[in-house]
Amino acid sequence: MSRPLVIMVDDEAALRAVYQKFLSKRCDVEAFADGNAFLAALSGLFPSVFVLDWMLPDIDGIELCKRIRQDRRFDNVPIAFLTAMRPSLDNMQQVFDAGGQLFIEKTGAPASIISQIQTLVDAHERWRRTARLDATVMSFLRHDLMGYLTGAITGAEVMGLHAAFEDPDLNAQLNQVLSSGEAIRELVDDMRFVLRPGQLPPDSLGEQVTLAEMRTFVLRRLDVKTVAPDFSCPASAAMVPLLAGRLLYYLVLLLRY
């Protein structure tokens, strides 16, 4: 298993060397002397924490922090400022407004600074393990739902061959069930992208979403009407509401997840 990666951006070579030495006991460390070099490499980085200096020779740390936060891949990656700037209320507010989580003075004890950075690394690694577990659970859920939905939809299509479904009203209601089932199946297929930002399919949800936002998407995407039980064919009258109920049951399970 790969070790966590700490990214440092600081123009002081001696400081970079010191913190690389101590942090490398538990993490991989990649350091940059200026903002431009860092931004040029950013697309290929997958860190557990960013450690930024505020005062840099080209782009200051506040601007770098804002650039990082524009990339959805780093939404859950903490950003610490290790700086000589005073921890005034205004300075700290600028850091937090830009998307930083921690303000550390360079004049602090090295052991304390290392401990604070390592705490952010550990927190991110816990989140990463949880995200992997969520993705695994989502994969199993998607697989099970796809199996059940495919069976239910196929059964409905076969049931539609029954002579009773030549009735226009009954046929329309069955088509509504099939349409709703297909919409749910497409939705479940989209679920594999929910926890994988930056890899959404064209014309899909458009951006990384949370499960709460997914619920809203479900309700907006589906339009399931009530299936009336008063059909002329007794066998079909029992099967269609059952099928509709089955599809809606799995939709409820999805919404409760």
Protein backbone atom coordinates (compact mmCIF):
# COMPACT_ATOMS: atom_id res chain seq x y z
CA MET A 1 0.00 0.00 0.00
CA SER A 2 1.41 3.42 -0.97
CA ARG A 3 2.29 5.90 1.74
CA PRO A 4 0.48 9.24 2.17
CA LEU A 5 1.91 12.10 0.13
CA VAL A 6 2.63 15.52 1.63
CA ILE A 7 3.11 18.42 -0.80
CA MET A 8 5.18 21.37 0.44
CA VAL A 9 5.53 24.72 -1.32
CA ASP A 10 8.18 26.92 0.30
CA ASP A 11 11.04 29.00 -1.07
CA GLU A 12 13.33 28.31 1.92
CA ALA A 13 15.54 25.35 0.96
CA ALA A 14 16.73 24.71 4.51
CA LEU A 15 13.17 24.56 5.85
CA ARG A 16 12.08 22.21 3.07
CA ALA A 17 14.99 19.90 3.88
CA VAL A 18 14.18 19.82 7.61
CA TYR A 19 10.51 18.99 7.20
CA GLN A 20 11.14 16.51 4.41
CA LYS A 21 13.49 14.67 6.77
CA PHE A 22 11.00 14.45 9.65
CA LEU A 23 7.82 13.90 7.65
CA SER A 24 9.41 11.22 5.46
CA LYS A 25 9.44 8.82 8.41
CA ARG A 26 5.72 8.21 7.81
CA CYS A 27 4.94 9.95 4.52
CA ASP A 28 6.31 10.61 1.08
CA VAL A 29 7.15 14.28 0.66
CA GLU A 30 7.35 16.28 -2.55
CA ALA A 31 8.57 19.87 -2.22
CA PHE A 32 8.44 22.88 -4.56
CA ALA A 33 10.38 26.13 -4.29
CA ASP A 34 7.79 28.32 -6.00
CA GLY A 35 4.15 28.45 -6.99
CA ASN A 36 4.61 28.11 -10.75
CA ALA A 37 6.55 24.86 -10.44
CA PHE A 38 3.87 23.54 -8.11
CA LEU A 39 0.98 24.48 -10.41
CA ALA A 40 2.75 22.88 -13.37
CA ALA A 41 2.84 19.57 -11.49
CA LEU A 42 -0.56 19.84 -9.76
CA SER A 43 -2.56 17.76 -12.24
CA GLY A 44 -0.41 14.71 -11.50
CA LEU A 45 -0.47 15.00 -7.70
CA PHE A 46 -2.68 12.98 -5.33
CA PRO A 47 -1.66 14.18 -1.86
CA SER A 48 -3.07 13.70 1.62
CA VAL A 49 -2.23 17.30 2.58
CA PHE A 50 -0.85 20.50 1.08
CA VAL A 51 1.53 22.60 3.16
CA LEU A 52 1.87 26.12 1.72
CA ASP A 53 4.01 29.11 2.55
CA TRP A 54 2.20 32.42 2.27
CA MET A 55 5.01 34.60 0.93
CA LEU A 56 6.51 33.11 -2.24
CA PRO A 57 8.61 34.74 -4.99
CA ASP A 58 5.95 34.41 -7.69
CA ILE A 59 2.40 33.41 -6.65
CA ASP A 60 1.49 33.82 -2.99
CA GLY A 61 0.08 30.97 -0.92
CA ILE A 62 -3.42 32.44 -0.72
CA GLU A 63 -3.72 32.39 -4.51
CA LEU A 64 -2.29 28.85 -4.65
CA CYS A 65 -4.87 27.74 -2.10
CA LYS A 66 -7.68 29.19 -4.20
CA ARG A 67 -6.32 27.43 -7.30
CA ILE A 68 -6.26 24.12 -5.44
CA ARG A 69 -9.85 24.56 -4.30
CA GLN A 70 -10.95 25.11 -7.90
CA ASP A 71 -10.06 21.47 -8.61
CA ARG A 72 -12.81 19.16 -7.34
CA ARG A 73 -10.30 16.31 -6.94
CA PHE A 74 -8.91 18.09 -3.90
CA ASP A 75 -12.20 18.91 -2.16
CA ASN A 76 -11.33 16.61 0.74
CA VAL A 77 -7.59 17.29 0.87
CA PRO A 78 -6.66 19.60 3.78
CA ILE A 79 -4.44 22.64 3.25
CA ALA A 80 -2.12 23.94 5.97
CA PHE A 81 -0.28 27.26 5.88
CA LEU A 82 3.22 27.15 7.38
CA THR A 83 4.15 30.81 7.37
CA ALA A 84 6.06 33.64 8.98
CA MET A 85 2.97 35.82 8.81
CA ARG A 86 1.46 36.88 12.14
CA PRO A 87 -1.58 34.85 13.24
CA SER A 88 -3.78 37.92 13.32
CA LEU A 89 -7.53 37.58 12.95
CA ASP A 90 -7.37 39.12 9.46
CA ASN A 91 -4.56 36.81 8.27
CA MET A 92 -6.24 33.70 9.62
CA GLN A 93 -9.55 34.73 8.05
CA GLN A 94 -7.84 35.09 4.66
CA VAL A 95 -6.47 31.57 5.00
CA PHE A 96 -9.84 30.09 5.90
CA ASP A 97 -11.69 32.06 3.22
CA ALA A 98 -9.24 30.76 0.60
CA GLY A 99 -9.96 27.16 1.65
CA GLY A 100 -7.21 26.46 4.19
CA GLN A 101 -7.78 24.43 7.36
CA LEU A 102 -4.74 25.24 9.49
CA PHE A 103 -2.55 28.28 10.20
CA ILE A 104 0.90 27.34 11.58
CA GLU A 105 3.60 29.80 12.54
CA LYS A 106 7.10 28.94 11.31
CA THR A 107 8.45 30.11 14.67
CA GLY A 108 6.71 27.23 16.43
CA ALA A 109 8.51 24.17 17.76
CA PRO A 110 9.34 21.75 14.88
CA ALA A 111 7.92 18.79 16.82
CA SER A 112 4.61 20.61 17.26
CA ILE A 113 4.50 21.59 13.59
CA ILE A 114 5.20 18.02 12.47
CA SER A 115 2.49 16.76 14.81
CA GLN A 116 -0.11 19.17 13.41
CA ILE A 117 0.71 18.26 9.81
CA GLN A 118 0.65 14.55 10.64
CA THR A 119 -2.77 14.97 12.28
CA LEU A 120 -4.13 16.34 8.99
CA VAL A 121 -2.52 13.46 7.09
CA ASP A 122 -4.08 10.88 9.44
CA ALA A 123 -7.51 12.51 9.14
CA HIS A 124 -7.34 12.44 5.37
CA GLU A 125 -6.24 8.80 5.35
CA ARG A 126 -9.23 7.88 7.52
CA TRP A 127 -11.51 9.68 5.07
CA ARG A 128 -9.83 7.87 2.16
CA ARG A 129 -10.39 4.46 3.77
CA THR A 130 -14.05 5.35 4.39
CA ALA A 131 -14.42 6.52 0.78
CA ARG A 132 -12.98 3.23 -0.49
CA LEU A 133 -15.43 1.33 1.72
CA ASP A 134 -18.31 3.50 0.48
CA ALA A 135 -17.28 2.83 -3.11
CA THR A 136 -17.21 -0.93 -2.44
CA VAL A 137 -20.64 -0.85 -0.80
CA MET A 138 -21.96 1.26 -3.67
CA SER A 139 -20.59 -1.28 -6.15
CA PHE A 140 -22.34 -4.18 -4.41
CA LEU A 141 -25.57 -2.18 -4.11
CA ARG A 142 -25.45 -1.25 -7.76
CA HIS A 143 -24.79 -4.86 -8.78
CA ASP A 144 -27.71 -6.20 -6.71
CA LEU A 145 -30.12 -3.49 -7.85
CA MET A 146 -29.17 -3.94 -11.49
CA GLY A 147 -29.82 -7.67 -11.21
CA TYR A 148 -33.23 -7.25 -9.60
CA LEU A 149 -34.27 -4.43 -11.91
CA THR A 150 -33.25 -6.32 -15.02
CA GLY A 151 -35.28 -9.32 -13.87
CA ALA A 152 -38.31 -7.20 -13.05
CA ILE A 153 -38.19 -5.26 -16.32
CA THR A 154 -37.70 -8.41 -18.38
CA GLY A 155 -40.64 -10.01 -16.56
CA ALA A 156 -42.79 -6.97 -17.31
CA GLU A 157 -41.84 -7.08 -20.99
CA VAL A 158 -42.83 -10.76 -21.17
CA MET A 159 -46.04 -10.04 -19.29
CA GLY A 160 -46.82 -7.36 -21.87
CA LEU A 161 -47.17 -10.10 -24.49
CA HIS A 162 -50.32 -11.32 -22.72
CA ALA A 163 -53.48 -10.61 -24.69
CA ALA A 164 -54.92 -8.62 -21.79
CA PHE A 165 -52.37 -5.91 -22.45
CA GLU A 166 -53.90 -5.11 -25.82
CA ASP A 167 -56.21 -2.92 -23.75
CA PRO A 168 -54.93 0.67 -24.32
CA ASP A 169 -55.25 1.77 -20.68
CA LEU A 170 -53.60 -1.36 -19.31
CA ASN A 171 -50.85 -1.17 -21.94
CA ALA A 172 -50.18 2.50 -21.10
CA GLN A 173 -49.83 1.69 -17.41
CA LEU A 174 -47.46 -1.18 -18.14
CA ASN A 175 -45.38 1.12 -20.35
CA GLN A 176 -45.22 3.59 -17.45
CA VAL A 177 -43.89 0.83 -15.20
CA LEU A 178 -41.31 -0.16 -17.84
CA SER A 179 -40.29 3.45 -18.38
CA SER A 180 -39.86 4.02 -14.66
CA GLY A 181 -37.88 0.80 -14.34
CA GLU A 182 -35.53 1.83 -17.14
CA ALA A 183 -35.07 5.26 -15.53
CA ILE A 184 -34.15 3.59 -12.24
CA ARG A 185 -31.75 1.26 -14.05
CA GLU A 186 -30.03 4.21 -15.75
CA LEU A 187 -29.83 5.95 -12.40
CA VAL A 188 -28.25 2.91 -10.74
CA ASP A 189 -25.77 2.75 -13.60
CA ASP A 190 -24.86 6.39 -12.88
CA MET A 191 -24.15 5.49 -9.24
CA ARG A 192 -20.70 4.12 -10.12
CA PHE A 193 -19.57 7.71 -10.82
CA VAL A 194 -20.86 9.29 -7.60
CA LEU A 195 -17.68 8.59 -5.60
CA ARG A 196 -15.29 9.10 -8.51
CA PRO A 197 -14.97 12.84 -9.20
CA GLY A 198 -13.63 13.86 -12.58
CA GLN A 199 -14.92 10.71 -14.32
CA LEU A 200 -18.57 11.45 -14.92
CA PRO A 201 -20.08 10.39 -18.23
CA PRO A 202 -21.23 12.98 -20.80
CA ASP A 203 -24.78 14.25 -20.26
CA SER A 204 -24.86 12.67 -16.81
CA LEU A 205 -25.02 14.45 -13.46
CA GLY A 206 -22.55 17.07 -14.66
CA GLU A 207 -20.33 17.16 -11.59
CA GLN A 208 -19.35 15.21 -8.51
CA VAL A 209 -22.39 14.84 -6.29
CA THR A 210 -23.15 13.78 -2.74
CA LEU A 211 -25.65 11.07 -1.90
CA ALA A 212 -28.03 13.76 -0.61
CA GLU A 213 -27.87 15.47 -4.00
CA MET A 214 -28.44 12.08 -5.62
CA ARG A 215 -31.78 11.81 -3.80
CA THR A 216 -32.87 15.11 -5.32
CA PHE A 217 -31.70 13.89 -8.72
CA VAL A 218 -33.77 10.70 -8.33
CA LEU A 219 -36.97 12.54 -7.48
CA ARG A 220 -36.46 14.95 -10.38
CA ARG A 221 -35.61 12.21 -12.87
CA LEU A 222 -38.41 9.75 -12.12
CA ASP A 223 -42.12 10.25 -12.65
CA VAL A 224 -43.83 7.12 -11.35
CA LYS A 225 -47.63 7.17 -11.50
CA THR A 226 -49.91 4.94 -9.45
CA VAL A 227 -50.94 1.75 -11.23
CA ALA A 228 -54.69 1.16 -10.88
CA PRO A 229 -55.71 -2.35 -9.69
CA ASP A 230 -58.99 -2.57 -11.61
CA PHE A 231 -57.85 -4.59 -14.65
CA SER A 232 -60.12 -6.91 -16.60
CA CYS A 233 -57.68 -9.85 -16.45
CA PRO A 234 -57.38 -11.23 -12.86
CA ALA A 235 -53.85 -12.63 -13.39
CA SER A 236 -52.53 -9.40 -14.91
CA ALA A 237 -54.33 -7.32 -12.31
CA ALA A 238 -52.28 -9.02 -9.61
CA MET A 239 -48.96 -8.95 -11.47
CA VAL A 240 -48.73 -5.32 -12.61
CA PRO A 241 -49.21 -3.63 -9.22
CA LEU A 242 -46.80 -6.20 -7.77
CA LEU A 243 -44.21 -5.36 -10.40
CA ALA A 244 -44.67 -1.62 -9.86
CA GLY A 245 -44.38 -2.13 -6.13
CA ARG A 246 -41.21 -4.15 -6.61
CA LEU A 247 -39.58 -1.42 -8.68
CA LEU A 248 -40.59 1.24 -6.18
CA TYR A 249 -39.35 -0.92 -3.29
CA TYR A 250 -35.83 -0.93 -4.70
CA LEU A 251 -36.07 2.80 -5.38
CA VAL A 252 -36.91 3.33 -1.69
CA LEU A 253 -33.92 1.21 -0.70
CA LEU A 254 -31.73 3.38 -2.91
CA LEU A 255 -33.10 6.60 -1.41
CA ARG A 256 -32.60 5.29 2.13
CA TYR A 257 -28.98 4.25 1.45
